[in-house]
Structures are given as structure tokens and as C-alpha cells.
Amino acid sequence: MVIRKTKKKEEESPALPTDMIFEILSRITLGDTGRCRLVSKDWNLITYDSSFIQAHCERTKTIDGFFIRSLKWSKPVNKFVSINEPDPKSKLSLDFIPSPVSIIAATKQGLLLCVDDYSSRNKKYYVCKPSTKQWRKIPNPRTRYFTKRCAMVVLKSNPLHYKIIRFSTHSLHTIMTYKSMKYSFLFCEIFDSKAWAWKKLKDVVMLPKDEWLGFDPVVSVSGSLYWLTNNNMVFVFHVDSNKWIRLDLPFPLCKKDYFDPMKLVEYQGCVGMLCKKGCDIQLWMMENHGVWSKKQTVSIEPAKLSTCCYPVAFQSSDIVLMRDDTNMIHYDFRSGNSKMTNVWTEPMEIFPFHSDFELVDLLMALGGLRNNKGKKSTHCSKKWKIFEVVNICHNVKQNVFKIKLLKWHTIYTPSTTTRFLIHLLPKHKYHLGAYN
């Protein structure tokens, strides 16, 4: 007799109710929220809803809003705007940085890249986290070129690892001829926090003559950077491969002056385009392989907003941020309600900002002892090997290092530009510090 084994049908696990998923996801950290968005489309939609973002900010003590960069009496002004209720912790500023700075790039992990506007020749670059008032000066890109656009991407949060992409051009010669065609070109330099140095790519970025990257902040999605050019093309730079491409837009997005204006944005983790035509706002989204499709059309007539207002970014999947000359307006197109915030000056650039209040170790981004070329030092003397390197006590409020010194020694690495101090502490442990 033959006994046949029958396979039992695997019972599918019962789906969790949406309310339960909402309660669970609204209590996880900001970093875990990004990972949970990859689980399913339903989870992704939940985490981008305005009610979820507000609940998540309240329960996890995180911040969600925008930094507005502008000028007032020729001085940089950086103001934080949020739709949530005013909170002492949410009143962020950049006053803790030693000199007045302007924001030039932002990340989804609460880090900003700022530059000192007053040092016209040798600008100072700073990486900071406004929620914890931490900052660190990074090396200058030692070139004779002028910065055109900058972007910043965090590759890993713990330990911190980020890259800064800088596009620059020569002050005199910016046009080159290739295959009987004239192109404008850009140099690309990348700063790696592990190497703690800038690296210039061999290949230059060539754009058709009279075409340039738009002035709006970059849109970062899935490790790629997106800019809208003045000729209604999308310039894409892939951070992992250091390659770039240009994508065409379909009609009517490709037609200049058809919409007034067009803004490249991030919407629910994808690349989107906000277009305004009269009192209607259209949302287009880019799917795989650069295919665009119109998702929805929203009218601003219920809010009785001025026709001079135009959209700039999404606060959530149902709230769009709009601006006029001196005001920022959060418009909920589901309910038709709006909230206006006066920024007193005309906004120049608007950076989406999401952050928690966890301290980040900006010093450990150095990745160990390195010489002036950004490589790990392999020619250190034997005396270095017996030292035990531990973290330095950092007073975040005063942004200073306080160590009770018993004895100190000064020695030099093979680099002649960086001096390292070794502080002898009790129990024969050493604290390592570095300064230029």
C-alpha cells in the first residue's frame, strides 16, 4: 500500500488592522520609519499621512518642517517653519555656529550643510545638526572653481557616514566643443566623511550650451540626486556609481512656460513634479525608467488663496507648502484649510527638514587617524600603538571639550598640517583630539 503525503495549504497570517499598524509605526524611531516604508505600499501610505506625521512627532519627540533661507539687509537668515503646534524644542536656529551661515544642502536625517557667506574668498563649510546644536567644520574643496550646486547624502547613520557632492565651474572658460557641438561643463567633487577629504572626478559633466541646473534644492530619492534644468530636463546623479544622466519630460511638462511654475519634489518616497496652472495644482510622478504620469489635480479656490501663490514642496501626502512674496502657506487640499506663516523676507530656498534629538558623533566621521591626503596613516611610530583611544567628553551646550588634564604631550603624524594632542588621564587611558 502506498501512502501519499498531502501538503497542507499554508494559512496566511491575518492582516493587522490599519489602526494597530498606525499605533505601532507612530512609536518607532525616525530611522526605522524609513525602513518600514519599504515593507509594503500600505505602510508607505500610512507613514506619509499628515495625521501620522503629527502623531509621530508628538510620541517620539521628532521635528518635521522646513528651513527657509533668505536675506535681510544683505545678511543670511535661516528660519524654521512647521505646521505643528509651537514647541520650545521646535524653534530651531543656526545661531550656535560661530559665524553667520547660509544653508546650501539638507538631508533626511537632520543634518545640514552650511557655508560662511562673509568669507568671500576662502569660504568655511560646516556640517551641523540644529536639533542638538552640534556642528563641525569640514575641509574646503581646495580648487579655484566657483560652486554652482551642492547636495548632501547620509549613507549610514551609525556610525555616521555621509557624502557631499559639489558641482563647480571655472570663472573664465565654461564652454567646450565636442563633436561639433557646444557644451557647458561642470566639475564634480565629492567629499567623503570616512576619507575626510575631497575627491575630484575625472569626467566632467557636460550640458548643452545655455542649460544649467535649477536653483531649487536637490531632490534626493533612493541614492540618486535630481535637479530640474532651465530647459525642463531632469538631471540625475547616482551617488553610488558617480554617473549622471539627463531625462526627458513628457508633454506638457517639457513645454517651457506652460506651467507657472514647475517644482521638482519628493512625494511618498518617489520623484514628483508640482505644476500650477491658474487655480489648479497638478501632481505628476515619475515611475520606473523615467515614465511620468499625472496623479491628481487640486484646486486652491476653497482656501481663497491668491493666484500669486505657488507650490514648492509637500509637508505630507495631503498637505502642500505654498509661498508668496513673504508668506509660507500650509494648504490641506483634503479639507481646504490653510495656515499662513509670515517669514518677513522673500524666501530664496526651501529645505525640507526631519530630525530627532539624538546626539550624533560628528567627530567619529573622521574614521580614525588620517594624514593630509585623507588616507589612513600607516607610518606612525610604535608609540601610537600602545595608546588607547577613547571618546572625548563633549559639552554640547557650550560646544567645547572639557577634560581634566594631568599631563599632555604633543606629537606629530607624517602629515605636517595636522597636530594631534594626546592627553594622559587617570587609569592610563588616553583621549585623542585633533585640530588644524
Protein backbone atom coordinates (compact mmCIF):
# COMPACT_ATOMS: atom_id res chain seq x y z
CA MET A 1 0.00 0.00 0.00
CA VAL A 2 1.34 3.42 -0.96
CA ILE A 3 0.85 6.22 1.47
CA ARG A 4 0.61 9.60 -0.19
CA LYS A 5 1.51 12.65 1.80
CA THR A 6 -0.68 15.63 1.14
CA LYS A 7 0.71 19.12 1.52
CA LYS A 8 -1.31 21.32 3.77
CA LYS A 9 -2.10 24.72 2.48
CA GLU A 10 -0.20 27.32 4.38
CA GLU A 11 -2.59 29.56 6.15
CA GLU A 12 -1.93 33.19 5.50
CA SER A 13 -1.23 35.24 8.57
CA PRO A 14 -4.13 37.55 9.36
CA ALA A 15 -3.54 41.15 8.34
CA LEU A 16 -3.22 43.67 11.12
CA PRO A 17 -5.88 46.37 11.32
CA THR A 18 -4.85 49.74 9.96
CA ASP A 19 -5.37 51.41 13.34
CA MET A 20 -2.99 48.94 15.00
CA ILE A 21 -0.34 49.48 12.33
CA PHE A 22 -0.75 53.24 12.83
CA GLU A 23 -0.22 52.94 16.60
CA ILE A 24 2.87 50.74 16.20
CA LEU A 25 4.60 52.75 13.47
CA SER A 26 3.94 56.09 15.16
CA ARG A 27 6.12 54.99 18.10
CA ILE A 28 9.24 53.84 16.26
CA THR A 29 12.33 55.95 15.65
CA LEU A 30 12.80 58.23 12.66
CA GLY A 31 15.39 55.90 11.13
CA ASP A 32 13.17 52.84 11.49
CA THR A 33 10.30 54.70 9.84
CA GLY A 34 12.24 54.86 6.59
CA ARG A 35 12.86 51.09 6.72
CA CYS A 36 9.21 50.30 7.45
CA ARG A 37 8.16 52.24 4.37
CA LEU A 38 9.82 49.54 2.28
CA VAL A 39 7.68 46.76 3.76
CA SER A 40 4.53 47.40 1.74
CA LYS A 41 2.65 50.11 -0.14
CA ASP A 42 0.05 50.32 2.63
CA TRP A 43 2.70 51.04 5.26
CA ASN A 44 4.29 53.60 2.96
CA LEU A 45 0.98 55.43 2.51
CA ILE A 46 0.29 55.42 6.27
CA THR A 47 3.64 56.98 7.18
CA TYR A 48 3.21 59.87 4.75
CA ASP A 49 -0.25 60.89 6.02
CA SER A 50 -0.43 64.19 7.90
CA SER A 51 -2.15 62.63 10.93
CA PHE A 52 0.63 60.06 11.21
CA ILE A 53 3.40 62.65 10.94
CA GLN A 54 1.84 64.77 13.68
CA ALA A 55 1.34 61.75 15.96
CA HIS A 56 4.87 60.51 15.29
CA CYS A 57 6.37 63.91 16.14
CA GLU A 58 4.47 64.03 19.45
CA ARG A 59 5.21 60.47 20.54
CA THR A 60 8.86 60.22 19.50
CA LYS A 61 9.86 63.88 20.05
CA THR A 62 10.91 64.44 16.45
CA ILE A 63 10.68 67.54 14.27
CA ASP A 64 9.17 67.89 10.82
CA GLY A 65 9.12 71.12 8.84
CA PHE A 66 11.15 73.36 6.52
CA PHE A 67 14.17 75.63 6.78
CA ILE A 68 13.68 78.86 4.83
CA ARG A 69 16.83 80.56 3.57
CA SER A 70 16.60 84.25 2.77
CA LEU A 71 18.46 87.56 3.07
CA LYS A 72 17.70 90.50 5.31
CA TRP A 73 19.79 93.64 4.94
CA SER A 74 22.36 91.58 2.99
CA LYS A 75 22.72 89.13 5.89
CA PRO A 76 21.73 85.45 5.75
CA VAL A 77 18.54 84.49 7.55
CA ASN A 78 17.57 80.85 8.20
CA LYS A 79 14.10 80.36 9.67
CA PHE A 80 12.42 77.09 10.60
CA VAL A 81 8.72 76.70 9.76
CA SER A 82 6.46 73.85 10.89
CA ILE A 83 2.73 73.22 10.78
CA ASN A 84 2.77 71.57 14.21
CA GLU A 85 1.94 73.50 17.36
CA PRO A 86 4.72 75.78 18.63
CA ASP A 87 7.12 73.99 20.96
CA PRO A 88 10.29 75.32 22.61
CA LYS A 89 12.32 72.49 21.07
CA SER A 90 10.94 73.09 17.60
CA LYS A 91 12.18 76.69 17.49
CA LEU A 92 15.37 75.83 15.68
CA SER A 93 18.05 78.25 14.57
CA LEU A 94 21.68 78.23 13.45
CA ASP A 95 22.90 80.78 16.00
CA PHE A 96 25.13 78.16 17.66
CA ILE A 97 27.52 78.16 14.67
CA PRO A 98 30.43 80.63 15.22
CA SER A 99 29.72 82.78 12.15
CA PRO A 100 26.62 83.70 10.13
CA VAL A 101 25.96 80.96 7.59
CA SER A 102 23.58 80.04 4.81
CA ILE A 103 22.14 76.59 4.23
CA ILE A 104 23.17 75.04 0.93
CA ALA A 105 22.06 71.39 1.44
CA ALA A 106 19.94 69.29 3.79
CA THR A 107 19.44 65.59 4.48
CA LYS A 108 16.56 63.43 5.71
CA GLN A 109 18.50 62.61 8.91
CA GLY A 110 18.52 66.15 10.32
CA LEU A 111 21.97 67.21 9.07
CA LEU A 112 22.60 70.49 7.25
CA LEU A 113 25.47 71.69 5.12
CA CYS A 114 26.15 75.41 5.63
CA VAL A 115 28.65 77.88 4.25
CA ASP A 116 30.04 81.11 5.65
CA ASP A 117 28.94 83.87 3.28
CA TYR A 118 31.18 86.55 4.67
CA SER A 119 34.47 84.89 3.77
CA SER A 120 34.20 85.56 0.06
CA ARG A 121 37.48 84.01 -0.94
CA ASN A 122 38.07 81.11 1.47
CA LYS A 123 34.60 80.02 2.43
CA LYS A 124 34.11 77.87 5.51
CA TYR A 125 31.92 74.81 5.26
CA TYR A 126 30.05 73.41 8.28
CA VAL A 127 28.09 70.21 8.88
CA CYS A 128 25.61 70.62 11.73
CA LYS A 129 22.59 69.12 13.43
CA PRO A 130 20.34 72.00 14.58
CA SER A 131 18.18 69.91 16.92
CA THR A 132 21.18 69.07 19.13
CA LYS A 133 23.23 72.20 18.29
CA GLN A 134 26.21 70.16 17.11
CA TRP A 135 28.49 71.39 14.37
CA ARG A 136 31.83 70.63 12.78
CA LYS A 137 33.93 72.44 10.19
CA ILE A 138 34.94 70.36 7.20
CA PRO A 139 37.87 70.95 4.82
CA ASN A 140 37.40 73.33 1.94
CA PRO A 141 37.38 71.95 -1.60
CA ARG A 142 40.79 73.33 -2.48
CA THR A 143 40.08 74.36 -6.06
CA ARG A 144 39.93 77.59 -7.99
CA TYR A 145 36.42 76.86 -9.20
CA PHE A 146 33.17 78.52 -8.16
CA THR A 147 30.44 76.49 -6.52
CA LYS A 148 27.25 76.12 -8.57
CA ARG A 149 25.23 73.44 -6.74
CA CYS A 150 25.74 71.29 -3.66
CA ALA A 151 23.99 68.22 -2.26
CA MET A 152 24.47 66.04 0.81
CA VAL A 153 23.52 62.38 1.32
CA VAL A 154 23.77 60.30 4.52
CA LEU A 155 24.80 56.74 3.64
CA LYS A 156 24.82 55.36 7.19
CA SER A 157 23.62 56.79 10.49
CA ASN A 158 25.54 54.65 12.98
CA PRO A 159 28.43 55.17 12.61
CA LEU A 160 27.81 58.36 10.68
CA HIS A 161 28.89 58.25 7.03
CA TYR A 162 27.89 60.92 4.53
CA LYS A 163 28.94 62.35 1.20
CA ILE A 164 28.79 65.89 -0.18
CA ILE A 165 28.52 66.42 -3.94
CA ARG A 166 29.68 69.76 -5.28
CA PHE A 167 29.32 70.96 -8.86
CA SER A 168 31.56 73.87 -9.80
CA THR A 169 32.76 75.74 -12.86
CA HIS A 170 35.74 77.77 -13.97
CA SER A 171 35.42 81.53 -13.84
CA LEU A 172 36.81 82.09 -17.34
CA HIS A 173 36.20 79.13 -19.62
CA THR A 174 32.83 77.37 -19.30
CA ILE A 175 32.11 76.34 -22.91
CA MET A 176 33.72 73.42 -24.73
CA THR A 177 33.23 71.90 -28.19
CA TYR A 178 32.63 68.16 -28.55
CA LYS A 179 31.70 66.51 -31.86
CA SER A 180 30.89 69.88 -33.44
CA MET A 181 28.50 70.66 -30.57
CA LYS A 182 29.00 73.27 -27.89
CA TYR A 183 28.53 72.28 -24.26
CA SER A 184 28.78 73.94 -20.89
CA PHE A 185 30.66 71.82 -18.41
CA LEU A 186 30.79 71.37 -14.67
CA PHE A 187 33.43 69.86 -12.44
CA CYS A 188 32.24 67.37 -9.83
CA GLU A 189 33.90 66.98 -6.44
CA ILE A 190 32.82 64.56 -3.72
CA PHE A 191 33.60 64.84 -0.02
CA ASP A 192 33.59 61.51 1.84
CA SER A 193 33.34 61.72 5.63
CA LYS A 194 35.33 58.48 6.00
CA ALA A 195 38.26 59.75 3.98
CA TRP A 196 37.69 63.28 5.34
CA ALA A 197 38.83 64.72 2.02
CA TRP A 198 37.50 65.96 -1.30
CA LYS A 199 37.98 63.96 -4.48
CA LYS A 200 37.58 65.41 -7.93
CA LEU A 201 36.05 63.12 -10.56
CA LYS A 202 37.96 62.71 -13.78
CA ASP A 203 34.90 63.02 -16.01
CA VAL A 204 33.28 66.43 -16.31
CA VAL A 205 29.53 66.95 -16.53
CA MET A 206 28.58 68.24 -19.97
CA LEU A 207 25.29 70.03 -20.54
CA PRO A 208 24.06 71.60 -23.77
CA LYS A 209 25.01 75.22 -24.19
CA ASP A 210 22.77 77.67 -22.32
CA GLU A 211 21.49 74.94 -19.98
CA TRP A 212 22.13 74.85 -16.26
CA LEU A 213 20.89 73.18 -13.11
CA GLY A 214 17.93 74.85 -11.44
CA PHE A 215 18.32 76.96 -8.32
CA ASP A 216 15.90 74.90 -6.22
CA PRO A 217 17.33 72.47 -3.63
CA VAL A 218 18.09 68.99 -4.89
CA VAL A 219 15.58 66.14 -4.52
CA SER A 220 17.21 63.00 -3.06
CA VAL A 221 15.43 59.68 -3.64
CA SER A 222 16.88 56.15 -3.33
CA GLY A 223 20.51 57.23 -3.51
CA SER A 224 20.07 59.47 -6.56
CA LEU A 225 20.01 63.27 -6.82
CA TYR A 226 17.54 65.08 -9.09
CA TRP A 227 17.68 68.64 -10.43
CA LEU A 228 15.31 70.37 -12.85
CA THR A 229 17.20 72.31 -15.50
CA ASN A 230 16.15 75.57 -17.07
CA ASN A 231 15.26 73.69 -20.29
CA ASN A 232 12.75 71.46 -18.50
CA MET A 233 15.04 68.45 -18.38
CA VAL A 234 15.75 66.31 -15.30
CA PHE A 235 19.42 65.91 -14.39
CA VAL A 236 20.09 62.76 -12.34
CA PHE A 237 23.31 61.99 -10.46
CA HIS A 238 23.75 58.49 -8.98
CA VAL A 239 25.82 58.70 -5.80
CA ASP A 240 26.87 55.04 -5.70
CA SER A 241 28.33 54.93 -9.22
CA ASN A 242 29.19 58.65 -9.67
CA LYS A 243 27.36 58.58 -13.02
CA TRP A 244 24.87 61.08 -14.37
CA ILE A 245 22.09 61.10 -16.96
CA ARG A 246 19.51 63.52 -18.38
CA LEU A 247 15.84 62.54 -18.61
CA ASP A 248 13.21 63.97 -20.94
CA LEU A 249 9.84 65.14 -19.65
CA PRO A 250 6.57 64.31 -21.44
CA PHE A 251 4.15 66.87 -22.79
CA PRO A 252 3.10 69.26 -21.36
CA LEU A 253 5.90 69.16 -18.77
CA CYS A 254 8.53 69.58 -21.45
CA LYS A 255 6.94 72.77 -22.78
CA LYS A 256 8.50 75.89 -21.35
CA ASP A 257 6.23 78.49 -19.73
CA TYR A 258 3.23 76.16 -19.99
CA PHE A 259 3.03 75.93 -16.20
CA ASP A 260 3.87 78.71 -13.80
CA PRO A 261 5.94 77.41 -12.17
CA MET A 262 7.21 73.80 -12.03
CA LYS A 263 8.85 72.32 -8.92
CA LEU A 264 10.64 69.01 -8.61
CA VAL A 265 9.63 67.45 -5.25
CA GLU A 266 9.62 64.21 -3.30
CA TYR A 267 6.21 62.63 -2.85
CA GLN A 268 5.71 59.42 -0.86
CA GLY A 269 9.30 58.37 -1.44
CA CYS A 270 9.18 58.98 -5.22
CA VAL A 271 10.16 61.83 -7.52
CA GLY A 272 7.26 64.13 -8.32
CA MET A 273 6.55 67.37 -10.15
CA LEU A 274 4.29 70.12 -8.85
CA CYS A 275 2.79 72.29 -11.60
CA LYS A 276 0.43 75.25 -11.28
CA LYS A 277 -1.98 76.34 -13.99
CA GLY A 278 -4.33 79.10 -12.92
CA CYS A 279 -6.02 77.93 -9.70
CA ASP A 280 -5.21 74.26 -10.26
CA ILE A 281 -2.20 72.36 -8.99
CA GLN A 282 -1.18 69.19 -10.82
CA LEU A 283 0.91 66.42 -9.34
CA TRP A 284 2.96 64.27 -11.71
CA MET A 285 5.01 61.30 -10.52
CA MET A 286 7.93 59.52 -12.12
CA GLU A 287 7.70 55.75 -12.17
CA ASN A 288 10.30 53.22 -13.29
CA HIS A 289 12.55 54.04 -16.24
CA GLY A 290 11.63 57.72 -16.28
CA VAL A 291 7.94 57.26 -17.12
CA TRP A 292 5.81 60.16 -15.90
CA SER A 293 2.07 60.11 -15.21
CA LYS A 294 -0.38 62.64 -13.78
CA LYS A 295 -1.72 61.51 -10.40
CA GLN A 296 -4.12 64.20 -9.31
CA THR A 297 -5.30 67.79 -9.75
CA VAL A 298 -6.03 70.03 -6.76
CA SER A 299 -7.77 73.40 -6.72
CA ILE A 300 -6.76 76.23 -4.37
CA GLU A 301 -10.10 78.03 -4.71
CA PRO A 302 -11.58 76.54 -1.46
CA ALA A 303 -8.81 78.21 0.56
CA LYS A 304 -9.30 81.53 -1.25
CA LEU A 305 -5.57 81.87 -1.79
CA SER A 306 -4.04 84.46 -4.06
CA THR A 307 -3.24 83.43 -7.59
CA CYS A 308 0.32 84.66 -6.90
CA CYS A 309 0.86 81.70 -4.55
CA TYR A 310 2.58 78.66 -5.99
CA PRO A 311 3.52 75.26 -4.53
CA VAL A 312 7.08 74.42 -3.51
CA ALA A 313 7.03 71.12 -1.55
CA PHE A 314 4.93 68.53 0.24
CA GLN A 315 4.66 68.51 4.02
CA SER A 316 2.78 65.19 3.81
CA SER A 317 0.70 63.31 1.27
CA ASP A 318 -2.24 65.68 1.82
CA ILE A 319 -0.58 68.98 2.80
CA VAL A 320 1.34 71.06 0.29
CA LEU A 321 3.59 74.00 1.18
CA MET A 322 2.97 77.15 -0.86
CA ARG A 323 4.60 80.56 -0.86
CA ASP A 324 4.11 84.12 -1.98
CA ASP A 325 6.35 87.15 -1.52
CA THR A 326 6.77 86.97 2.29
CA ASN A 327 4.46 84.18 3.47
CA MET A 328 4.59 80.39 3.69
CA ILE A 329 1.20 78.66 3.47
CA HIS A 330 0.42 75.07 4.51
CA TYR A 331 -2.58 74.06 2.41
CA ASP A 332 -4.57 70.92 3.28
CA PHE A 333 -6.25 70.10 -0.03
CA ARG A 334 -8.46 67.42 1.54
CA SER A 335 -10.19 69.75 3.98
CA GLY A 336 -9.49 73.03 2.18
CA ASN A 337 -7.93 74.60 5.29
CA SER A 338 -4.74 76.64 5.22
CA LYS A 339 -2.24 78.01 7.73
CA MET A 340 -0.13 81.07 6.92
CA THR A 341 3.28 81.91 8.43
CA ASN A 342 4.97 85.25 7.80
CA VAL A 343 8.73 84.96 7.24
CA TRP A 344 9.13 88.75 6.75
CA THR A 345 11.57 88.37 3.86
CA GLU A 346 11.29 86.81 0.44
CA PRO A 347 12.28 83.12 0.62
CA MET A 348 15.20 82.19 -1.61
CA GLU A 349 15.48 78.44 -0.96
CA ILE A 350 13.31 75.99 0.98
CA PHE A 351 14.78 72.83 2.52
CA PRO A 352 12.58 70.01 3.91
CA PHE A 353 13.82 69.08 7.38
CA HIS A 354 13.19 65.96 9.51
CA SER A 355 15.16 65.30 12.68
CA ASP A 356 15.21 63.75 16.12
CA PHE A 357 17.02 64.93 19.26
CA GLU A 358 19.56 62.11 19.42
CA LEU A 359 23.19 63.17 19.57
CA VAL A 360 25.27 62.27 16.54
CA ASP A 361 29.01 61.72 16.71
CA LEU A 362 30.33 64.14 14.11
CA LEU A 363 33.89 63.50 15.30
CA MET A 364 33.76 59.78 14.61
CA ALA A 365 33.00 60.53 10.98
CA LEU A 366 36.75 61.03 10.64
CA GLY A 367 37.14 57.25 10.70
CA GLY A 368 40.43 57.17 12.65
CA LEU A 369 43.84 58.74 12.24
CA ARG A 370 44.35 60.13 8.76
CA ASN A 371 47.00 62.12 7.02
CA ASN A 372 46.61 65.23 4.90
CA LYS A 373 45.70 63.16 1.82
CA GLY A 374 42.72 61.62 3.56
CA LYS A 375 44.30 58.14 3.78
CA LYS A 376 44.84 56.14 6.93
CA SER A 377 48.28 56.76 8.33
CA THR A 378 50.41 53.60 8.15
CA HIS A 379 53.78 55.13 9.04
CA CYS A 380 53.04 56.07 12.64
CA SER A 381 55.67 55.26 15.20
CA LYS A 382 55.36 52.37 17.68
CA LYS A 383 54.41 54.82 20.38
CA TRP A 384 50.99 55.28 18.75
CA LYS A 385 50.15 51.60 19.01
CA ILE A 386 50.18 51.45 22.80
CA PHE A 387 47.78 54.34 23.18
CA GLU A 388 44.16 53.51 23.97
CA VAL A 389 41.91 55.85 22.04
CA VAL A 390 38.54 56.60 23.65
CA ASN A 391 35.86 59.18 23.07
CA ILE A 392 36.20 62.76 24.20
CA CYS A 393 33.66 64.23 26.61
CA HIS A 394 31.79 66.79 24.55
CA ASN A 395 29.72 69.54 26.15
CA VAL A 396 27.00 70.02 23.54
CA LYS A 397 25.52 73.19 25.02
CA GLN A 398 28.82 75.08 25.02
CA ASN A 399 30.30 73.10 22.13
CA VAL A 400 33.64 72.72 23.91
CA PHE A 401 35.74 69.82 25.11
CA LYS A 402 36.32 69.67 28.86
CA ILE A 403 38.96 67.25 30.13
CA LYS A 404 40.73 67.27 33.49
CA LEU A 405 44.34 67.21 32.38
CA LEU A 406 47.15 65.74 34.43
CA LYS A 407 49.77 65.80 31.73
CA TRP A 408 49.79 66.37 27.99
CA HIS A 409 52.11 65.53 25.14
CA THR A 410 52.31 66.96 21.63
CA ILE A 411 53.45 64.71 18.78
CA TYR A 412 53.18 64.83 15.02
CA THR A 413 51.92 62.42 12.40
CA PRO A 414 53.54 62.20 8.94
CA SER A 415 51.16 64.98 7.98
CA THR A 416 52.65 68.39 8.62
CA THR A 417 49.30 70.16 8.55
CA THR A 418 47.52 68.40 11.41
CA ARG A 419 48.67 68.25 15.02
CA PHE A 420 47.44 65.59 17.42
CA LEU A 421 47.30 66.08 21.18
CA ILE A 422 47.49 63.06 23.47
CA HIS A 423 46.07 63.74 26.92
CA LEU A 424 47.18 61.48 29.75
CA LEU A 425 44.30 60.71 32.09
CA PRO A 426 43.93 58.57 35.23
CA LYS A 427 43.97 54.79 34.83
CA HIS A 428 46.45 55.22 31.98
CA LYS A 429 43.79 55.93 29.38
CA TYR A 430 44.27 58.46 26.65
CA HIS A 431 41.93 60.87 24.93
CA LEU A 432 42.77 61.72 21.34
CA GLY A 433 41.97 65.14 19.88
CA ALA A 434 42.88 66.78 16.61
CA TYR A 435 42.99 70.34 15.34
CA ASN A 436 44.26 72.04 12.21
